[in-house]
Amino acid sequence: MPELRKDPVVGRWVIIATERGKRPSDFIPQPVDVPEQAKNPFAEGNEHMTPPEIFAFRDPKSKANASGWQVRVVPNKFPALRIEGELDKEGQGMYDKMNGIGAHEVIIETPNPSLQLEQQTVEGIGRVIETYKIRVTDLLRDPRFRFILVFKNFGKQAGATIGHPHSQLIAMPVTPKRMKEKLVGAMQYYAYKDRSLYEDILKQEIKEGTRLVYENAGFVAFCPFASRFPFEVTIMPRRQSAYFQEIHPDEILLLADCLKVSLTKLAKALNQPQYNFLVSTGPARYAHHGYWSTIDQDFRWHIEILPRLTLIAGFEVGTGFYINPTPPEEAAKYLREILV
């Protein structure tokens, strides 16, 4: 019989459609195209095809906007938001609007167009994570920005337009509604129970073990109880911290290890599925205005990996429910059994 499961953070309901139960072999992977070298703006040697770089990890003797880099950050050529200008908030009758001010950057994860993130060494993934930290920290110095989302789209179905391994970052002048729902859920739970919702989730997942995928000294990967998508994975730090950019140097390689293992297990189980991953972190501290007064105790930053194996259709759009044909316990069992 199908189950209705409630997400304890945002109160969203999910239908676990056990009668539709799908195994990894039931999902048909979509190939990911790797662009030809001459047409690939992210490939080494084609640095002239992108806007000038903002940041890079590169060989000491190499020059900016030339070969010799390991990770490179450039402005998005077609940004969702633009960094120049002022917000100019105003009302238009009963409606509110402001200028589309923000930042939209591309993190090119490797010079190799065929080397996917999970195929890099732990040290290579660590450089990518450190790049995220450096860019988030730098952009949060701008008081116009309230929230920064780091995300990765892998494959066309997940929103990627270029096959070369890359992720993105968008700084926004407002905190998104979905993020506010998480913050409010965590705050209300803390106010009621005087303990962290995320800490309680982590303790229960470790104790039960049925949804665990992988763990190391710093991070735990598990399939959430109310998973929206088949084989959805959450990576959560063991140490309480509301802000991704406050990750400790010794935690970066631990996160890189957990991310590498989780993505590799998904790639092996589902034949390199297309996916999104999102870094959920607290908003800018100066944006709190006293509202998120317990954020350092109640909220915990985390990463969500969302394989794109099913489509979002009218029911999901109309109700906010999701239908997941693979129970997270079964998904986690498959992933745990895959050796990396």
Protein backbone atom coordinates (compact mmCIF):
# COMPACT_ATOMS: atom_id res chain seq x y z
CA MET A 1 0.00 0.00 0.00
CA PRO A 2 1.30 3.53 -0.73
CA GLU A 3 2.51 5.62 2.20
CA LEU A 4 2.19 9.32 2.93
CA ARG A 5 5.31 10.66 4.64
CA LYS A 6 5.74 14.14 6.07
CA ASP A 7 8.99 16.06 5.83
CA PRO A 8 9.67 17.13 9.45
CA VAL A 9 11.46 20.32 8.37
CA VAL A 10 9.07 22.03 5.95
CA GLY A 11 5.89 19.98 6.53
CA ARG A 12 5.74 18.83 2.90
CA TRP A 13 4.01 15.51 2.21
CA VAL A 14 5.47 12.85 -0.07
CA ILE A 15 3.73 9.78 -1.50
CA ILE A 16 5.95 6.69 -1.37
CA ALA A 17 4.27 4.67 -4.11
CA THR A 18 5.38 1.19 -3.05
CA GLU A 19 3.05 -0.48 -5.57
CA ARG A 20 4.98 1.26 -8.34
CA GLY A 21 8.24 0.15 -6.71
CA LYS A 22 11.17 0.73 -9.04
CA ARG A 23 14.65 -0.74 -8.88
CA PRO A 24 17.75 0.91 -10.35
CA SER A 25 17.44 -1.16 -13.55
CA ASP A 26 13.94 0.25 -14.14
CA PHE A 27 15.29 3.76 -14.70
CA ILE A 28 16.59 4.45 -18.20
CA PRO A 29 19.61 6.77 -18.07
CA GLN A 30 19.91 9.65 -20.51
CA PRO A 31 23.39 10.12 -22.03
CA VAL A 32 25.30 13.26 -21.10
CA ASP A 33 26.91 14.97 -24.07
CA VAL A 34 30.50 16.16 -23.80
CA PRO A 35 31.13 19.10 -26.18
CA GLU A 36 33.87 19.05 -28.80
CA GLN A 37 37.07 20.78 -27.73
CA ALA A 38 36.78 23.56 -30.32
CA LYS A 39 33.21 24.40 -29.25
CA ASN A 40 33.71 23.96 -25.50
CA PRO A 41 34.14 27.33 -23.74
CA PHE A 42 35.12 25.61 -20.48
CA ALA A 43 37.95 23.52 -21.92
CA GLU A 44 41.57 24.38 -21.21
CA GLY A 45 42.94 26.51 -24.04
CA ASN A 46 39.56 28.16 -24.67
CA GLU A 47 39.78 30.68 -21.82
CA HIS A 48 39.16 33.47 -24.36
CA MET A 49 35.63 32.08 -24.88
CA THR A 50 34.50 32.98 -21.35
CA PRO A 51 34.33 36.30 -19.49
CA PRO A 52 37.54 37.09 -17.54
CA GLU A 53 38.04 34.79 -14.56
CA ILE A 54 37.13 35.93 -11.05
CA PHE A 55 39.16 33.28 -9.23
CA ALA A 56 41.21 30.20 -10.06
CA PHE A 57 43.35 27.49 -8.56
CA ARG A 58 46.22 27.38 -11.03
CA ASP A 59 49.90 26.58 -11.40
CA PRO A 60 52.05 29.34 -9.85
CA LYS A 61 53.79 30.12 -13.16
CA SER A 62 50.57 30.33 -15.20
CA LYS A 63 48.80 33.56 -16.03
CA ALA A 64 45.16 34.54 -15.45
CA ASN A 65 42.78 33.66 -18.29
CA ALA A 66 45.25 31.18 -19.76
CA SER A 67 46.01 27.47 -19.44
CA GLY A 68 47.44 25.95 -16.27
CA TRP A 69 44.43 25.96 -13.95
CA GLN A 70 42.74 23.22 -11.90
CA VAL A 71 39.49 25.04 -10.95
CA ARG A 72 38.33 28.27 -12.60
CA VAL A 73 35.49 30.69 -11.75
CA VAL A 74 34.00 33.02 -14.36
CA PRO A 75 30.85 35.15 -14.54
CA ASN A 76 27.95 33.41 -16.26
CA LYS A 77 27.79 34.73 -19.82
CA PHE A 78 23.98 34.81 -19.59
CA PRO A 79 23.37 35.69 -15.92
CA ALA A 80 20.03 35.30 -14.17
CA LEU A 81 20.94 38.37 -12.07
CA ARG A 82 23.45 41.16 -12.70
CA ILE A 83 25.93 42.55 -10.21
CA GLU A 84 25.93 46.17 -11.40
CA GLY A 85 23.44 48.67 -10.01
CA GLU A 86 21.21 49.26 -7.00
CA LEU A 87 18.11 47.39 -5.86
CA ASP A 88 15.73 50.39 -6.16
CA LYS A 89 12.87 48.68 -4.33
CA GLU A 90 9.47 50.16 -5.16
CA GLY A 91 5.78 49.45 -5.13
CA GLN A 92 3.64 49.27 -8.23
CA GLY A 93 0.12 49.50 -6.92
CA MET A 94 -0.32 46.44 -4.70
CA TYR A 95 2.77 44.78 -6.21
CA ASP A 96 6.43 45.03 -5.19
CA LYS A 97 9.46 44.95 -7.41
CA MET A 98 13.19 45.66 -7.47
CA ASN A 99 16.04 45.50 -9.94
CA GLY A 100 17.48 42.08 -10.73
CA ILE A 101 20.68 42.62 -8.77
CA GLY A 102 22.82 39.66 -7.81
CA ALA A 103 25.78 37.59 -8.94
CA HIS A 104 25.82 34.54 -11.19
CA GLU A 105 29.10 32.64 -11.44
CA VAL A 106 30.23 29.38 -13.04
CA ILE A 107 32.70 27.12 -11.25
CA ILE A 108 34.54 25.07 -13.89
CA GLU A 109 35.55 22.03 -11.87
CA THR A 110 38.35 20.65 -14.03
CA PRO A 111 40.17 21.33 -17.30
CA ASN A 112 39.22 17.80 -18.43
CA PRO A 113 35.80 17.83 -20.18
CA SER A 114 35.24 14.11 -19.49
CA LEU A 115 36.26 13.99 -15.81
CA GLN A 116 33.03 14.07 -13.82
CA LEU A 117 33.10 15.36 -10.24
CA GLU A 118 32.98 11.92 -8.60
CA GLN A 119 35.82 10.72 -10.86
CA GLN A 120 38.20 13.33 -9.48
CA THR A 121 40.50 12.55 -6.58
CA VAL A 122 39.36 13.51 -3.10
CA GLU A 123 41.91 16.34 -3.26
CA GLY A 124 40.47 17.54 -6.58
CA ILE A 125 36.92 17.58 -5.19
CA GLY A 126 38.31 19.35 -2.13
CA ARG A 127 39.60 22.15 -4.38
CA VAL A 128 36.10 22.55 -5.84
CA ILE A 129 34.56 22.71 -2.35
CA GLU A 130 37.19 25.21 -1.22
CA THR A 131 36.38 27.32 -4.28
CA TYR A 132 32.72 27.35 -3.23
CA LYS A 133 33.76 28.52 0.24
CA ILE A 134 36.04 31.27 -1.09
CA ARG A 135 33.43 32.65 -3.48
CA VAL A 136 30.54 32.53 -0.97
CA THR A 137 32.68 34.27 1.66
CA ASP A 138 33.74 36.96 -0.79
CA LEU A 139 30.24 37.67 -2.13
CA LEU A 140 28.70 37.91 1.33
CA ARG A 141 30.81 41.01 1.91
CA ASP A 142 28.34 42.77 -0.41
CA PRO A 143 25.42 44.00 1.76
CA ARG A 144 23.04 43.79 -1.20
CA PHE A 145 23.13 39.99 -1.11
CA ARG A 146 20.93 38.11 1.36
CA PHE A 147 21.37 34.51 0.21
CA ILE A 148 23.77 32.51 -1.94
CA LEU A 149 22.90 29.19 -3.57
CA VAL A 150 25.65 26.88 -4.79
CA PHE A 151 24.28 24.22 -7.10
CA LYS A 152 25.23 21.75 -9.80
CA ASN A 153 23.15 20.64 -12.78
CA PHE A 154 24.40 17.43 -14.38
CA GLY A 155 22.74 16.57 -17.68
CA LYS A 156 20.18 18.29 -19.88
CA GLN A 157 17.21 16.99 -17.89
CA ALA A 158 18.76 18.58 -14.82
CA GLY A 159 19.19 21.93 -16.56
CA ALA A 160 22.80 21.79 -17.79
CA THR A 161 23.43 23.38 -21.19
CA ILE A 162 27.15 22.51 -21.36
CA GLY A 163 28.42 18.99 -20.67
CA HIS A 164 31.81 20.05 -19.33
CA PRO A 165 31.83 19.42 -15.52
CA HIS A 166 30.82 22.64 -13.78
CA SER A 167 28.65 24.01 -11.02
CA GLN A 168 27.13 27.42 -10.41
CA LEU A 169 26.56 30.02 -7.75
CA ILE A 170 23.83 32.67 -7.60
CA ALA A 171 23.80 35.46 -5.02
CA MET A 172 20.34 36.95 -4.43
CA PRO A 173 19.01 40.11 -2.77
CA VAL A 174 16.28 38.10 -1.00
CA THR A 175 16.08 34.82 0.90
CA PRO A 176 14.12 32.30 -1.23
CA LYS A 177 10.77 31.02 0.06
CA ARG A 178 11.97 27.40 0.10
CA MET A 179 14.92 28.37 2.27
CA LYS A 180 12.69 30.38 4.60
CA GLU A 181 10.48 27.31 5.06
CA LYS A 182 13.51 25.33 6.22
CA LEU A 183 14.64 28.11 8.54
CA VAL A 184 11.17 28.54 10.06
CA GLY A 185 10.74 24.78 10.49
CA ALA A 186 14.07 24.52 12.30
CA MET A 187 13.38 27.59 14.44
CA GLN A 188 9.91 26.44 15.52
CA TYR A 189 11.16 22.96 16.40
CA TYR A 190 13.97 24.46 18.49
CA ALA A 191 11.57 26.84 20.25
CA TYR A 192 9.23 23.95 21.10
CA LYS A 193 11.73 21.24 22.05
CA ASP A 194 14.86 23.22 22.93
CA ARG A 195 17.00 21.08 20.65
CA SER A 196 17.98 21.01 16.98
CA LEU A 197 15.68 19.34 14.47
CA TYR A 198 18.66 18.52 12.24
CA GLU A 199 20.57 16.97 15.13
CA ASP A 200 17.53 14.82 15.93
CA ILE A 201 17.26 13.73 12.28
CA LEU A 202 20.95 12.84 12.17
CA LYS A 203 20.81 10.87 15.43
CA GLN A 204 17.78 8.89 14.27
CA GLU A 205 19.27 8.10 10.85
CA ILE A 206 22.51 6.87 12.47
CA LYS A 207 20.61 4.86 15.12
CA GLU A 208 18.18 3.21 12.68
CA GLY A 209 20.72 2.76 9.88
CA THR A 210 18.11 1.70 7.32
CA ARG A 211 18.48 4.88 5.26
CA LEU A 212 22.23 5.36 5.73
CA VAL A 213 24.35 5.44 2.58
CA TYR A 214 27.81 6.36 3.88
CA GLU A 215 29.48 8.06 6.81
CA ASN A 216 32.92 9.22 7.84
CA ALA A 217 34.32 11.21 10.76
CA GLY A 218 32.81 14.49 9.59
CA PHE A 219 29.72 13.76 7.47
CA VAL A 220 26.77 11.41 7.08
CA ALA A 221 24.99 10.60 3.81
CA PHE A 222 21.47 9.19 3.94
CA CYS A 223 18.27 8.92 1.93
CA PRO A 224 15.73 11.23 3.65
CA PHE A 225 12.67 9.67 5.30
CA ALA A 226 10.35 11.75 3.06
CA SER A 227 12.49 11.60 -0.11
CA ARG A 228 10.90 13.53 -2.97
CA PHE A 229 12.84 11.68 -5.66
CA PRO A 230 14.09 8.10 -6.09
CA PHE A 231 17.60 7.72 -4.65
CA GLU A 232 17.63 11.24 -3.19
CA VAL A 233 20.61 11.66 -0.86
CA THR A 234 21.29 14.23 1.86
CA ILE A 235 24.81 14.89 3.14
CA MET A 236 24.92 16.48 6.60
CA PRO A 237 27.86 17.52 8.78
CA ARG A 238 28.18 15.96 12.21
CA ARG A 239 29.29 19.32 13.65
CA GLN A 240 26.56 21.87 14.27
CA SER A 241 27.00 24.79 11.87
CA ALA A 242 24.40 26.92 10.11
CA TYR A 243 26.75 28.19 7.41
CA PHE A 244 28.54 26.19 4.73
CA GLN A 245 31.24 28.85 4.38
CA GLU A 246 32.25 28.23 8.01
CA ILE A 247 33.40 24.69 7.16
CA HIS A 248 36.73 23.97 8.83
CA PRO A 249 39.81 23.28 6.67
CA ASP A 250 40.08 19.72 8.02
CA GLU A 251 36.41 19.10 7.12
CA ILE A 252 36.84 19.95 3.43
CA LEU A 253 38.52 16.65 2.53
CA LEU A 254 36.01 14.74 4.67
CA LEU A 255 33.18 16.37 2.73
CA ALA A 256 35.00 15.68 -0.53
CA ASP A 257 35.26 12.00 0.46
CA CYS A 258 31.56 11.78 1.39
CA LEU A 259 30.50 13.56 -1.83
CA LYS A 260 32.77 11.36 -3.97
CA VAL A 261 31.47 8.13 -2.43
CA SER A 262 27.81 9.21 -2.63
CA LEU A 263 28.01 10.34 -6.26
CA THR A 264 30.02 7.26 -7.25
CA LYS A 265 27.45 4.95 -5.68
CA LEU A 266 24.66 6.77 -7.54
CA ALA A 267 26.62 6.59 -10.80
CA LYS A 268 27.19 2.85 -10.42
CA ALA A 269 23.65 2.06 -9.24
CA LEU A 270 21.89 4.14 -11.88
CA ASN A 271 24.40 4.22 -14.75
CA GLN A 272 25.48 7.87 -14.33
CA PRO A 273 22.08 9.51 -13.71
CA GLN A 274 21.44 13.15 -14.38
CA TYR A 275 21.04 15.07 -11.14
CA ASN A 276 21.02 18.36 -9.28
CA PHE A 277 22.83 19.01 -6.09
CA LEU A 278 22.17 21.98 -3.84
CA VAL A 279 24.08 23.45 -0.92
CA SER A 280 21.50 24.60 1.63
CA THR A 281 23.08 27.17 3.94
CA GLY A 282 21.95 29.99 6.20
CA PRO A 283 21.29 33.49 4.80
CA ALA A 284 23.67 36.41 5.26
CA ARG A 285 24.04 37.22 8.96
CA TYR A 286 23.23 40.90 8.42
CA ALA A 287 19.95 39.83 6.79
CA HIS A 288 18.61 38.31 10.02
CA HIS A 289 17.27 41.55 11.55
CA GLY A 290 16.95 39.61 14.81
CA TYR A 291 14.47 37.15 13.31
CA TRP A 292 16.71 34.09 13.04
CA SER A 293 18.03 34.59 16.58
CA THR A 294 18.65 30.88 17.23
CA ILE A 295 19.97 29.98 13.77
CA ASP A 296 23.38 28.91 15.10
CA GLN A 297 21.67 26.35 17.31
CA ASP A 298 18.69 25.22 15.22
CA PHE A 299 19.69 25.16 11.54
CA ARG A 300 22.41 22.99 9.99
CA TRP A 301 23.76 23.45 6.47
CA HIS A 302 23.58 20.38 4.24
CA ILE A 303 23.81 19.16 0.65
CA GLU A 304 20.91 17.60 -1.25
CA ILE A 305 21.59 15.32 -4.23
CA LEU A 306 18.48 14.93 -6.39
CA PRO A 307 18.68 12.36 -9.24
CA ARG A 308 16.41 13.30 -12.14
CA LEU A 309 14.76 9.92 -12.66
CA THR A 310 11.09 10.93 -12.60
CA LEU A 311 9.20 13.89 -14.00
CA ILE A 312 7.38 16.59 -12.08
CA ALA A 313 3.87 16.77 -13.55
CA GLY A 314 0.49 18.38 -12.86
CA PHE A 315 -0.15 16.59 -9.58
CA GLU A 316 3.15 17.75 -8.08
CA VAL A 317 2.69 21.32 -9.34
CA GLY A 318 -0.92 21.48 -8.19
CA THR A 319 -0.47 19.99 -4.72
CA GLY A 320 3.16 20.41 -3.72
CA PHE A 321 3.22 16.64 -3.07
CA TYR A 322 5.82 14.44 -4.73
CA ILE A 323 5.35 10.82 -5.84
CA ASN A 324 8.42 8.67 -5.24
CA PRO A 325 8.27 5.10 -6.61
CA THR A 326 11.33 3.90 -4.65
CA PRO A 327 11.17 3.83 -0.83
CA PRO A 328 14.26 5.49 0.63
CA GLU A 329 15.02 2.40 2.71
CA GLU A 330 15.31 0.32 -0.47
CA ALA A 331 17.31 3.01 -2.25
CA ALA A 332 19.76 3.28 0.66
CA LYS A 333 20.14 -0.52 0.80
CA TYR A 334 21.09 -0.62 -2.91
CA LEU A 335 23.57 2.22 -2.46
CA ARG A 336 25.13 0.76 0.71
CA GLU A 337 25.81 -2.53 -1.06
CA ILE A 338 27.73 -0.87 -3.89
CA LEU A 339 31.44 -1.02 -3.22
CA VAL A 340 33.48 2.11 -3.96
